Amino acid sequence: MSFALIYLDAFWKQTRDNQDPSLLPIYQILKDARAVLSTPASYIYALAEIPYTTSDSVQDLAADRSALNAENKQLKATLLMQSLQVQRYAALKSENDRLRELLGSRKKLPGNAVIAEIFGAVPNPYTRQVFIDKGSDDGIVDGLGVVDAQGLFGQIVSVGKTSSRVLLVVDRDHAVPVRVNRTGTRLIAGGTGENTSLLLENVPISADIVVGDLVETSGFGGRFPDGYPLGVVSAISNGSGLTYAQVELRPSAQLNSSGHVLVIMSQRKNNNALIDGDNQSSRREIAAQ
């Protein structure tokens, strides 16, 4: 059919170029014949083009798919980075909220205080101590009290140039003079070695103490600020046969979750009376000192 069309085109051109009027009928016949043959030829051309157009379409689809995959990976990476930024923002906001609480507590303290960050714990199951990032270069000395935004946290027992060790209020070797907020009864609170409990020591059976009472520092000895929360009475046992009531406290300080604390700076750094008063505030000698 292609050869026929080529022949008809050539013969038609010769006939058309020839000005002989007698050839006009032949010219019209050739024109009509070519029109008849051109119709199926166009379909044949279209069928012949299918592999090429299909190949181009497949290549375009593959290129589009590849581009979409690359864009998808990039969007996932961007989403991951944004997710990390959101998580970091949430962590920073939480830390900022804790610092605001800590600064609010700082205003309640009688003297100056230094904000310190907790960066580790002593790896010893028989003691409850943590490390903070402030030391002698920051004016820290042994015996200073430590608080967080919720309550009494502990006291400094060892000082380096840039870090210090804090004995927690729940350590077995820690004790602090306290009073019951509701009645004013003065007692001694000691640690149990557990992060969730303290004990009031030598409590008379007749003492007016009930579950829910707030126990706070009495200020005796000068080491800890007066009126700072230590804990809330969580259990009382005063059954028959007991010489003293057993009163358990739930610590106010967030001993397991606080990231920052306040070190209460002494108002009498050069006065040995503070050290003497400290000796009266504890019934035990701290083994770590």
C-alpha atoms as a PDB file:
ATOM      1  CA  MET A   1       0.000   0.000   0.000  1.00  0.00           C
ATOM      2  CA  SER A   2       2.902   2.324   0.731  1.00  0.00           C
ATOM      3  CA  PHE A   3       4.440   1.586  -2.660  1.00  0.00           C
ATOM      4  CA  ALA A   4       1.053   2.189  -4.306  1.00  0.00           C
ATOM      5  CA  LEU A   5       0.708   5.546  -2.615  1.00  0.00           C
ATOM      6  CA  ILE A   6       4.247   6.481  -3.604  1.00  0.00           C
ATOM      7  CA  TYR A   7       3.526   5.505  -7.241  1.00  0.00           C
ATOM      8  CA  LEU A   8       0.194   7.354  -7.256  1.00  0.00           C
ATOM      9  CA  ASP A   9       1.819  10.467  -5.786  1.00  0.00           C
ATOM     10  CA  ALA A  10       4.513  10.437  -8.459  1.00  0.00           C
ATOM     11  CA  PHE A  11       2.099   9.730 -11.307  1.00  0.00           C
ATOM     12  CA  TRP A  12      -0.413  12.256  -9.884  1.00  0.00           C
ATOM     13  CA  LYS A  13       2.321  14.917  -9.782  1.00  0.00           C
ATOM     14  CA  GLN A  14       3.229  14.225 -13.426  1.00  0.00           C
ATOM     15  CA  THR A  15      -0.431  14.337 -14.455  1.00  0.00           C
ATOM     16  CA  ARG A  16      -1.080  17.526 -12.508  1.00  0.00           C
ATOM     17  CA  ASP A  17       1.983  19.202 -14.001  1.00  0.00           C
ATOM     18  CA  ASN A  18       0.931  18.238 -17.504  1.00  0.00           C
ATOM     19  CA  GLN A  19      -1.430  20.924 -18.877  1.00  0.00           C
ATOM     20  CA  ASP A  20      -3.070  18.557 -21.347  1.00  0.00           C
ATOM     21  CA  PRO A  21      -6.888  18.854 -20.789  1.00  0.00           C
ATOM     22  CA  SER A  22      -7.377  15.269 -21.889  1.00  0.00           C
ATOM     23  CA  LEU A  23      -5.545  14.075 -18.802  1.00  0.00           C
ATOM     24  CA  LEU A  24      -7.824  15.833 -16.322  1.00  0.00           C
ATOM     25  CA  PRO A  25     -10.136  12.790 -15.922  1.00  0.00           C
ATOM     26  CA  ILE A  26      -7.108  10.638 -15.161  1.00  0.00           C
ATOM     27  CA  TYR A  27      -5.919  13.250 -12.681  1.00  0.00           C
ATOM     28  CA  GLN A  28      -9.280  13.105 -10.872  1.00  0.00           C
ATOM     29  CA  ILE A  29      -9.278   9.320 -10.846  1.00  0.00           C
ATOM     30  CA  LEU A  30      -5.786   9.230  -9.354  1.00  0.00           C
ATOM     31  CA  LYS A  31      -6.823  11.806  -6.766  1.00  0.00           C
ATOM     32  CA  ASP A  32      -9.847   9.740  -5.746  1.00  0.00           C
ATOM     33  CA  ALA A  33      -7.772   6.545  -5.645  1.00  0.00           C
ATOM     34  CA  ARG A  34      -5.205   8.157  -3.403  1.00  0.00           C
ATOM     35  CA  ALA A  35      -7.925   9.403  -1.045  1.00  0.00           C
ATOM     36  CA  VAL A  36      -9.340   5.889  -0.806  1.00  0.00           C
ATOM     37  CA  LEU A  37      -5.910   4.371  -0.045  1.00  0.00           C
ATOM     38  CA  SER A  38      -4.943   7.141   2.428  1.00  0.00           C
ATOM     39  CA  THR A  39      -7.713   6.284   4.881  1.00  0.00           C
ATOM     40  CA  PRO A  40      -6.539   2.708   5.776  1.00  0.00           C
ATOM     41  CA  ALA A  41      -2.954   3.878   5.508  1.00  0.00           C
ATOM     42  CA  SER A  42      -3.501   6.372   8.318  1.00  0.00           C
ATOM     43  CA  TYR A  43      -4.652   3.539  10.577  1.00  0.00           C
ATOM     44  CA  ILE A  44      -1.630   1.502   9.643  1.00  0.00           C
ATOM     45  CA  TYR A  45       0.611   4.451  10.475  1.00  0.00           C
ATOM     46  CA  ALA A  46      -1.159   4.839  13.803  1.00  0.00           C
ATOM     47  CA  LEU A  47      -0.685   1.126  14.596  1.00  0.00           C
ATOM     48  CA  ALA A  48       2.968   1.376  13.646  1.00  0.00           C
ATOM     49  CA  GLU A  49       3.409   4.290  16.037  1.00  0.00           C
ATOM     50  CA  ILE A  50       1.868   2.424  18.997  1.00  0.00           C
ATOM     51  CA  PRO A  51       5.147   0.763  20.172  1.00  0.00           C
ATOM     52  CA  TYR A  52       6.968   4.091  20.059  1.00  0.00           C
ATOM     53  CA  THR A  53       4.213   6.070  21.815  1.00  0.00           C
ATOM     54  CA  THR A  54       3.801   3.265  24.364  1.00  0.00           C
ATOM     55  CA  SER A  55       7.536   3.215  25.032  1.00  0.00           C
ATOM     56  CA  ASP A  56       7.562   6.985  25.486  1.00  0.00           C
ATOM     57  CA  SER A  57       4.577   6.787  27.837  1.00  0.00           C
ATOM     58  CA  VAL A  58       6.205   4.024  29.891  1.00  0.00           C
ATOM     59  CA  GLN A  59       9.418   6.032  30.110  1.00  0.00           C
ATOM     60  CA  ASP A  60       7.451   9.104  31.168  1.00  0.00           C
ATOM     61  CA  LEU A  61       5.607   7.056  33.789  1.00  0.00           C
ATOM     62  CA  ALA A  62       8.862   5.583  35.065  1.00  0.00           C
ATOM     63  CA  ALA A  63      10.414   9.029  35.234  1.00  0.00           C
ATOM     64  CA  ASP A  64       7.350  10.392  37.022  1.00  0.00           C
ATOM     65  CA  ARG A  65       7.365   7.452  39.459  1.00  0.00           C
ATOM     66  CA  SER A  66      11.060   7.907  40.130  1.00  0.00           C
ATOM     67  CA  ALA A  67      10.537  11.616  40.715  1.00  0.00           C
ATOM     68  CA  LEU A  68       7.592  10.892  43.011  1.00  0.00           C
ATOM     69  CA  ASN A  69       9.633   8.347  44.982  1.00  0.00           C
ATOM     70  CA  ALA A  70      12.466  10.834  45.362  1.00  0.00           C
ATOM     71  CA  GLU A  71      10.027  13.546  46.432  1.00  0.00           C
ATOM     72  CA  ASN A  72       8.352  11.128  48.841  1.00  0.00           C
ATOM     73  CA  LYS A  73      11.698  10.274  50.455  1.00  0.00           C
ATOM     74  CA  GLN A  74      12.550  13.946  50.755  1.00  0.00           C
ATOM     75  CA  LEU A  75       9.171  14.716  52.338  1.00  0.00           C
ATOM     76  CA  LYS A  76       9.606  11.835  54.797  1.00  0.00           C
ATOM     77  CA  ALA A  77      13.060  13.113  55.746  1.00  0.00           C
ATOM     78  CA  THR A  78      11.669  16.631  56.187  1.00  0.00           C
ATOM     79  CA  LEU A  79       8.775  15.285  58.274  1.00  0.00           C
ATOM     80  CA  LEU A  80      11.202  13.331  60.457  1.00  0.00           C
ATOM     81  CA  MET A  81      13.350  16.408  61.033  1.00  0.00           C
ATOM     82  CA  GLN A  82      10.288  18.473  61.879  1.00  0.00           C
ATOM     83  CA  SER A  83       9.090  15.732  64.225  1.00  0.00           C
ATOM     84  CA  LEU A  84      12.448  15.792  65.998  1.00  0.00           C
ATOM     85  CA  GLN A  85      12.248  19.579  66.237  1.00  0.00           C
ATOM     86  CA  VAL A  86       8.737  19.341  67.697  1.00  0.00           C
ATOM     87  CA  GLN A  87       9.916  16.783  70.249  1.00  0.00           C
ATOM     88  CA  ARG A  88      12.878  18.991  71.126  1.00  0.00           C
ATOM     89  CA  TYR A  89      10.546  21.966  71.426  1.00  0.00           C
ATOM     90  CA  ALA A  90       8.310  19.996  73.797  1.00  0.00           C
ATOM     91  CA  ALA A  91      11.342  19.014  75.878  1.00  0.00           C
ATOM     92  CA  LEU A  92      12.581  22.615  75.977  1.00  0.00           C
ATOM     93  CA  LYS A  93       9.129  23.863  76.939  1.00  0.00           C
ATOM     94  CA  SER A  94       8.915  21.325  79.746  1.00  0.00           C
ATOM     95  CA  GLU A  95      12.393  22.281  80.948  1.00  0.00           C
ATOM     96  CA  ASN A  96      11.477  25.965  80.734  1.00  0.00           C
ATOM     97  CA  ASP A  97       8.354  25.345  82.817  1.00  0.00           C
ATOM     98  CA  ARG A  98      10.421  23.536  85.463  1.00  0.00           C
ATOM     99  CA  LEU A  99      12.947  26.374  85.550  1.00  0.00           C
ATOM    100  CA  ARG A 100      10.138  28.896  85.966  1.00  0.00           C
ATOM    101  CA  GLU A 101       8.846  26.891  88.926  1.00  0.00           C
ATOM    102  CA  LEU A 102      12.357  26.756  90.320  1.00  0.00           C
ATOM    103  CA  LEU A 103      12.777  30.518  89.958  1.00  0.00           C
ATOM    104  CA  GLY A 104       9.430  30.959  91.701  1.00  0.00           C
ATOM    105  CA  SER A 105      10.727  28.852  94.586  1.00  0.00           C
ATOM    106  CA  ARG A 106      13.914  30.900  94.650  1.00  0.00           C
ATOM    107  CA  LYS A 107      11.953  33.998  95.649  1.00  0.00           C
ATOM    108  CA  LYS A 108      10.699  32.182  98.758  1.00  0.00           C
ATOM    109  CA  LEU A 109      14.199  31.440 100.035  1.00  0.00           C
ATOM    110  CA  PRO A 110      15.712  33.672 102.723  1.00  0.00           C
ATOM    111  CA  GLY A 111      19.077  34.097 100.977  1.00  0.00           C
ATOM    112  CA  ASN A 112      20.724  33.685  97.603  1.00  0.00           C
ATOM    113  CA  ALA A 113      20.464  30.456  95.652  1.00  0.00           C
ATOM    114  CA  VAL A 114      22.329  28.966  92.708  1.00  0.00           C
ATOM    115  CA  ILE A 115      20.551  26.977  90.011  1.00  0.00           C
ATOM    116  CA  ALA A 116      22.328  23.684  89.306  1.00  0.00           C
ATOM    117  CA  GLU A 117      21.679  20.887  86.833  1.00  0.00           C
ATOM    118  CA  ILE A 118      21.688  17.234  87.857  1.00  0.00           C
ATOM    119  CA  PHE A 119      23.881  15.252  85.480  1.00  0.00           C
ATOM    120  CA  GLY A 120      24.293  11.881  87.153  1.00  0.00           C
ATOM    121  CA  ALA A 121      23.721   9.620  90.136  1.00  0.00           C
ATOM    122  CA  VAL A 122      26.114   7.731  92.389  1.00  0.00           C
ATOM    123  CA  PRO A 123      26.148   4.094  91.182  1.00  0.00           C
ATOM    124  CA  ASN A 124      25.687   2.601  94.637  1.00  0.00           C
ATOM    125  CA  PRO A 125      22.465   0.809  95.632  1.00  0.00           C
ATOM    126  CA  TYR A 126      23.058   1.582  99.320  1.00  0.00           C
ATOM    127  CA  THR A 127      23.079   5.350  99.020  1.00  0.00           C
ATOM    128  CA  ARG A 128      20.905   7.996  97.400  1.00  0.00           C
ATOM    129  CA  GLN A 129      23.175  10.680  95.961  1.00  0.00           C
ATOM    130  CA  VAL A 130      23.331  12.683  92.731  1.00  0.00           C
ATOM    131  CA  PHE A 131      25.876  14.929  91.015  1.00  0.00           C
ATOM    132  CA  ILE A 132      25.257  18.579  90.120  1.00  0.00           C
ATOM    133  CA  ASP A 133      27.218  20.844  87.783  1.00  0.00           C
ATOM    134  CA  LYS A 134      28.189  23.469  90.373  1.00  0.00           C
ATOM    135  CA  GLY A 135      31.272  23.354  92.601  1.00  0.00           C
ATOM    136  CA  SER A 136      33.712  25.467  94.572  1.00  0.00           C
ATOM    137  CA  ASP A 137      34.251  27.729  91.561  1.00  0.00           C
ATOM    138  CA  ASP A 138      30.593  28.718  91.977  1.00  0.00           C
ATOM    139  CA  GLY A 139      30.832  29.263  95.729  1.00  0.00           C
ATOM    140  CA  ILE A 140      29.464  25.856  96.738  1.00  0.00           C
ATOM    141  CA  VAL A 141      30.649  24.449 100.094  1.00  0.00           C
ATOM    142  CA  ASP A 142      29.856  21.331 102.116  1.00  0.00           C
ATOM    143  CA  GLY A 143      26.628  21.347 104.090  1.00  0.00           C
ATOM    144  CA  LEU A 144      24.534  23.665 101.922  1.00  0.00           C
ATOM    145  CA  GLY A 145      20.876  22.761 101.560  1.00  0.00           C
ATOM    146  CA  VAL A 146      19.399  21.822  98.181  1.00  0.00           C
ATOM    147  CA  VAL A 147      15.756  22.228  97.120  1.00  0.00           C
ATOM    148  CA  ASP A 148      13.710  21.808  93.962  1.00  0.00           C
ATOM    149  CA  ALA A 149      10.483  23.532  92.953  1.00  0.00           C
ATOM    150  CA  GLN A 150       8.338  21.246  95.149  1.00  0.00           C
ATOM    151  CA  GLY A 151      10.339  20.763  98.326  1.00  0.00           C
ATOM    152  CA  LEU A 152      13.532  19.906 100.168  1.00  0.00           C
ATOM    153  CA  PHE A 153      15.836  17.822  97.982  1.00  0.00           C
ATOM    154  CA  GLY A 154      18.963  17.154 100.051  1.00  0.00           C
ATOM    155  CA  GLN A 155      22.291  18.685 101.033  1.00  0.00           C
ATOM    156  CA  ILE A 156      25.805  19.060  99.658  1.00  0.00           C
ATOM    157  CA  VAL A 157      28.197  16.421 101.038  1.00  0.00           C
ATOM    158  CA  SER A 158      31.177  16.661  98.674  1.00  0.00           C
ATOM    159  CA  VAL A 159      32.470  19.549  96.563  1.00  0.00           C
ATOM    160  CA  GLY A 160      34.812  19.637  93.560  1.00  0.00           C
ATOM    161  CA  LYS A 161      35.879  22.612  91.495  1.00  0.00           C
ATOM    162  CA  THR A 162      33.086  22.298  88.944  1.00  0.00           C
ATOM    163  CA  SER A 163      30.720  19.709  90.419  1.00  0.00           C
ATOM    164  CA  SER A 164      29.295  18.578  93.742  1.00  0.00           C
ATOM    165  CA  ARG A 165      27.605  15.558  95.280  1.00  0.00           C
ATOM    166  CA  VAL A 166      24.159  15.871  96.876  1.00  0.00           C
ATOM    167  CA  LEU A 167      22.857  13.518  99.557  1.00  0.00           C
ATOM    168  CA  LEU A 168      19.091  13.097  99.032  1.00  0.00           C
ATOM    169  CA  VAL A 169      16.633  13.523 101.896  1.00  0.00           C
ATOM    170  CA  VAL A 170      15.596   9.875 101.551  1.00  0.00           C
ATOM    171  CA  ASP A 171      19.119   8.515 102.141  1.00  0.00           C
ATOM    172  CA  ARG A 172      19.466   6.497 105.345  1.00  0.00           C
ATOM    173  CA  ASP A 173      22.256   8.823 106.522  1.00  0.00           C
ATOM    174  CA  HIS A 174      20.175  11.980 106.173  1.00  0.00           C
ATOM    175  CA  ALA A 175      18.053  13.644 108.849  1.00  0.00           C
ATOM    176  CA  VAL A 176      16.455  17.065 109.103  1.00  0.00           C
ATOM    177  CA  PRO A 177      14.600  19.000 111.845  1.00  0.00           C
ATOM    178  CA  VAL A 178      10.952  19.462 110.862  1.00  0.00           C
ATOM    179  CA  ARG A 179       7.587  20.522 112.195  1.00  0.00           C
ATOM    180  CA  VAL A 180       4.032  19.535 111.423  1.00  0.00           C
ATOM    181  CA  ASN A 181       2.465  22.490 109.629  1.00  0.00           C
ATOM    182  CA  ARG A 182      -0.974  22.047 111.196  1.00  0.00           C
ATOM    183  CA  THR A 183       0.094  21.746 114.840  1.00  0.00           C
ATOM    184  CA  GLY A 184       3.656  23.075 114.969  1.00  0.00           C
ATOM    185  CA  THR A 185       4.945  19.839 116.540  1.00  0.00           C
ATOM    186  CA  ARG A 186       8.725  19.645 116.089  1.00  0.00           C
ATOM    187  CA  LEU A 187      10.292  16.329 115.122  1.00  0.00           C
ATOM    188  CA  ILE A 188      13.181  14.752 113.194  1.00  0.00           C
ATOM    189  CA  ALA A 189      12.605  13.258 109.736  1.00  0.00           C
ATOM    190  CA  GLY A 190      15.014  10.639 108.453  1.00  0.00           C
ATOM    191  CA  GLY A 191      15.521   8.818 105.176  1.00  0.00           C
ATOM    192  CA  THR A 192      14.590   5.200 104.566  1.00  0.00           C
ATOM    193  CA  GLY A 193      16.797   4.481 101.563  1.00  0.00           C
ATOM    194  CA  GLU A 194      13.718   4.442  99.315  1.00  0.00           C
ATOM    195  CA  ASN A 195      12.953   7.314  96.955  1.00  0.00           C
ATOM    196  CA  THR A 196       9.282   7.290  97.868  1.00  0.00           C
ATOM    197  CA  SER A 197       9.321   7.484 101.667  1.00  0.00           C
ATOM    198  CA  LEU A 198      10.649   9.235 104.764  1.00  0.00           C
ATOM    199  CA  LEU A 199      10.061   8.502 108.446  1.00  0.00           C
ATOM    200  CA  LEU A 200       9.331  10.771 111.393  1.00  0.00           C
ATOM    201  CA  GLU A 201      11.439   9.510 114.274  1.00  0.00           C
ATOM    202  CA  ASN A 202      10.534   9.099 117.947  1.00  0.00           C
ATOM    203  CA  VAL A 203       6.956  10.269 117.475  1.00  0.00           C
ATOM    204  CA  PRO A 204       4.934   9.962 120.715  1.00  0.00           C
ATOM    205  CA  ILE A 205       1.848   7.769 120.463  1.00  0.00           C
ATOM    206  CA  SER A 206      -0.251  10.708 121.629  1.00  0.00           C
ATOM    207  CA  ALA A 207       1.098  13.115 118.999  1.00  0.00           C
ATOM    208  CA  ASP A 208      -1.573  14.947 116.999  1.00  0.00           C
ATOM    209  CA  ILE A 209      -0.621  13.794 113.513  1.00  0.00           C
ATOM    210  CA  VAL A 210      -3.011  12.582 110.817  1.00  0.00           C
ATOM    211  CA  VAL A 211      -2.631  11.309 107.264  1.00  0.00           C
ATOM    212  CA  GLY A 212      -2.406  14.259 104.887  1.00  0.00           C
ATOM    213  CA  ASP A 213      -0.554  16.569 107.300  1.00  0.00           C
ATOM    214  CA  LEU A 214       2.133  18.675 105.646  1.00  0.00           C
ATOM    215  CA  VAL A 215       5.570  18.338 107.234  1.00  0.00           C
ATOM    216  CA  GLU A 216       7.991  21.202 106.608  1.00  0.00           C
ATOM    217  CA  THR A 217      11.461  22.274 107.657  1.00  0.00           C
ATOM    218  CA  SER A 218      11.651  23.983 111.055  1.00  0.00           C
ATOM    219  CA  GLY A 219      14.767  26.021 110.289  1.00  0.00           C
ATOM    220  CA  PHE A 220      16.577  24.703 113.358  1.00  0.00           C
ATOM    221  CA  GLY A 221      20.337  24.504 112.838  1.00  0.00           C
ATOM    222  CA  GLY A 222      20.324  27.034 110.006  1.00  0.00           C
ATOM    223  CA  ARG A 223      21.119  24.577 107.247  1.00  0.00           C
ATOM    224  CA  PHE A 224      17.677  24.405 105.650  1.00  0.00           C
ATOM    225  CA  PRO A 225      15.228  27.290 105.126  1.00  0.00           C
ATOM    226  CA  ASP A 226      12.317  27.555 107.528  1.00  0.00           C
ATOM    227  CA  GLY A 227       8.935  26.444 106.254  1.00  0.00           C
ATOM    228  CA  TYR A 228      10.054  24.589 103.135  1.00  0.00           C
ATOM    229  CA  PRO A 229       7.946  21.454 102.332  1.00  0.00           C
ATOM    230  CA  LEU A 230       9.527  18.095 103.132  1.00  0.00           C
ATOM    231  CA  GLY A 231       6.621  15.733 102.621  1.00  0.00           C
ATOM    232  CA  VAL A 232       3.051  14.729 103.383  1.00  0.00           C
ATOM    233  CA  VAL A 233       2.054  12.118 105.964  1.00  0.00           C
ATOM    234  CA  SER A 234       1.039   9.028 104.015  1.00  0.00           C
ATOM    235  CA  ALA A 235       0.726   6.342 106.733  1.00  0.00           C
ATOM    236  CA  ILE A 236       0.586   6.102 110.532  1.00  0.00           C
ATOM    237  CA  SER A 237       1.026   3.008 112.695  1.00  0.00           C
ATOM    238  CA  ASN A 238       0.500   3.390 116.454  1.00  0.00           C
ATOM    239  CA  GLY A 239      -0.819   0.023 117.514  1.00  0.00           C
ATOM    240  CA  SER A 240      -0.500  -1.518 120.948  1.00  0.00           C
ATOM    241  CA  GLY A 241       2.949  -2.551 122.027  1.00  0.00           C
ATOM    242  CA  LEU A 242       4.676   0.258 120.154  1.00  0.00           C
ATOM    243  CA  THR A 243       6.733   2.763 122.131  1.00  0.00           C
ATOM    244  CA  TYR A 244       6.583   5.331 119.347  1.00  0.00           C
ATOM    245  CA  ALA A 245       4.202   5.850 116.461  1.00  0.00           C
ATOM    246  CA  GLN A 246       5.564   4.990 113.040  1.00  0.00           C
ATOM    247  CA  VAL A 247       4.792   7.888 110.721  1.00  0.00           C
ATOM    248  CA  GLU A 248       5.673   7.634 107.049  1.00  0.00           C
ATOM    249  CA  LEU A 249       5.978  10.604 104.684  1.00  0.00           C
ATOM    250  CA  ARG A 250       5.759  10.907 100.934  1.00  0.00           C
ATOM    251  CA  PRO A 251       8.530  13.323  99.822  1.00  0.00           C
ATOM    252  CA  SER A 252       7.431  16.602  98.271  1.00  0.00           C
ATOM    253  CA  ALA A 253      10.544  16.935  96.088  1.00  0.00           C
ATOM    254  CA  GLN A 254      10.573  15.215  92.706  1.00  0.00           C
ATOM    255  CA  LEU A 255      13.582  13.066  93.541  1.00  0.00           C
ATOM    256  CA  ASN A 256      13.292  10.841  90.462  1.00  0.00           C
ATOM    257  CA  SER A 257      12.452  13.463  87.857  1.00  0.00           C
ATOM    258  CA  SER A 258      13.940  16.838  88.804  1.00  0.00           C
ATOM    259  CA  GLY A 259      16.547  17.994  86.311  1.00  0.00           C
ATOM    260  CA  HIS A 260      17.468  21.241  88.057  1.00  0.00           C
ATOM    261  CA  VAL A 261      17.751  22.196  91.709  1.00  0.00           C
ATOM    262  CA  LEU A 262      18.569  25.233  93.830  1.00  0.00           C
ATOM    263  CA  VAL A 263      21.564  25.265  96.138  1.00  0.00           C
ATOM    264  CA  ILE A 264      20.814  27.550  99.088  1.00  0.00           C
ATOM    265  CA  MET A 265      23.876  29.724  99.589  1.00  0.00           C
ATOM    266  CA  SER A 266      24.924  30.471 103.160  1.00  0.00           C
ATOM    267  CA  GLN A 267      24.407  34.032 104.341  1.00  0.00           C
ATOM    268  CA  ARG A 268      27.298  33.513 106.748  1.00  0.00           C
ATOM    269  CA  LYS A 269      30.004  31.902 104.640  1.00  0.00           C
ATOM    270  CA  ASN A 270      32.759  32.940 106.991  1.00  0.00           C
ATOM    271  CA  ASN A 271      30.926  32.156 110.206  1.00  0.00           C
ATOM    272  CA  ASN A 272      31.673  28.828 111.856  1.00  0.00           C
ATOM    273  CA  ALA A 273      28.372  29.067 113.729  1.00  0.00           C
ATOM    274  CA  LEU A 274      26.626  27.715 110.654  1.00  0.00           C
ATOM    275  CA  ILE A 275      28.715  24.554 110.807  1.00  0.00           C
ATOM    276  CA  ASP A 276      28.026  24.218 114.513  1.00  0.00           C
ATOM    277  CA  GLY A 277      24.321  24.632 113.876  1.00  0.00           C
ATOM    278  CA  ASP A 278      24.519  22.023 111.154  1.00  0.00           C
ATOM    279  CA  ASN A 279      25.904  19.533 113.637  1.00  0.00           C
ATOM    280  CA  GLN A 280      22.775  20.012 115.731  1.00  0.00           C
ATOM    281  CA  SER A 281      20.442  19.505 112.746  1.00  0.00           C
ATOM    282  CA  SER A 282      21.424  15.902 112.091  1.00  0.00           C
ATOM    283  CA  ARG A 283      21.460  12.863 114.342  1.00  0.00           C
ATOM    284  CA  ARG A 284      23.922  11.020 112.149  1.00  0.00           C
ATOM    285  CA  GLU A 285      27.382  11.737 110.803  1.00  0.00           C
ATOM    286  CA  ILE A 286      27.262  11.595 107.013  1.00  0.00           C
ATOM    287  CA  ALA A 287      29.546   8.786 105.957  1.00  0.00           C
ATOM    288  CA  ALA A 288      30.379  10.460 102.672  1.00  0.00           C
ATOM    289  CA  GLN A 289      31.805  13.647 104.248  1.00  0.00           C
END
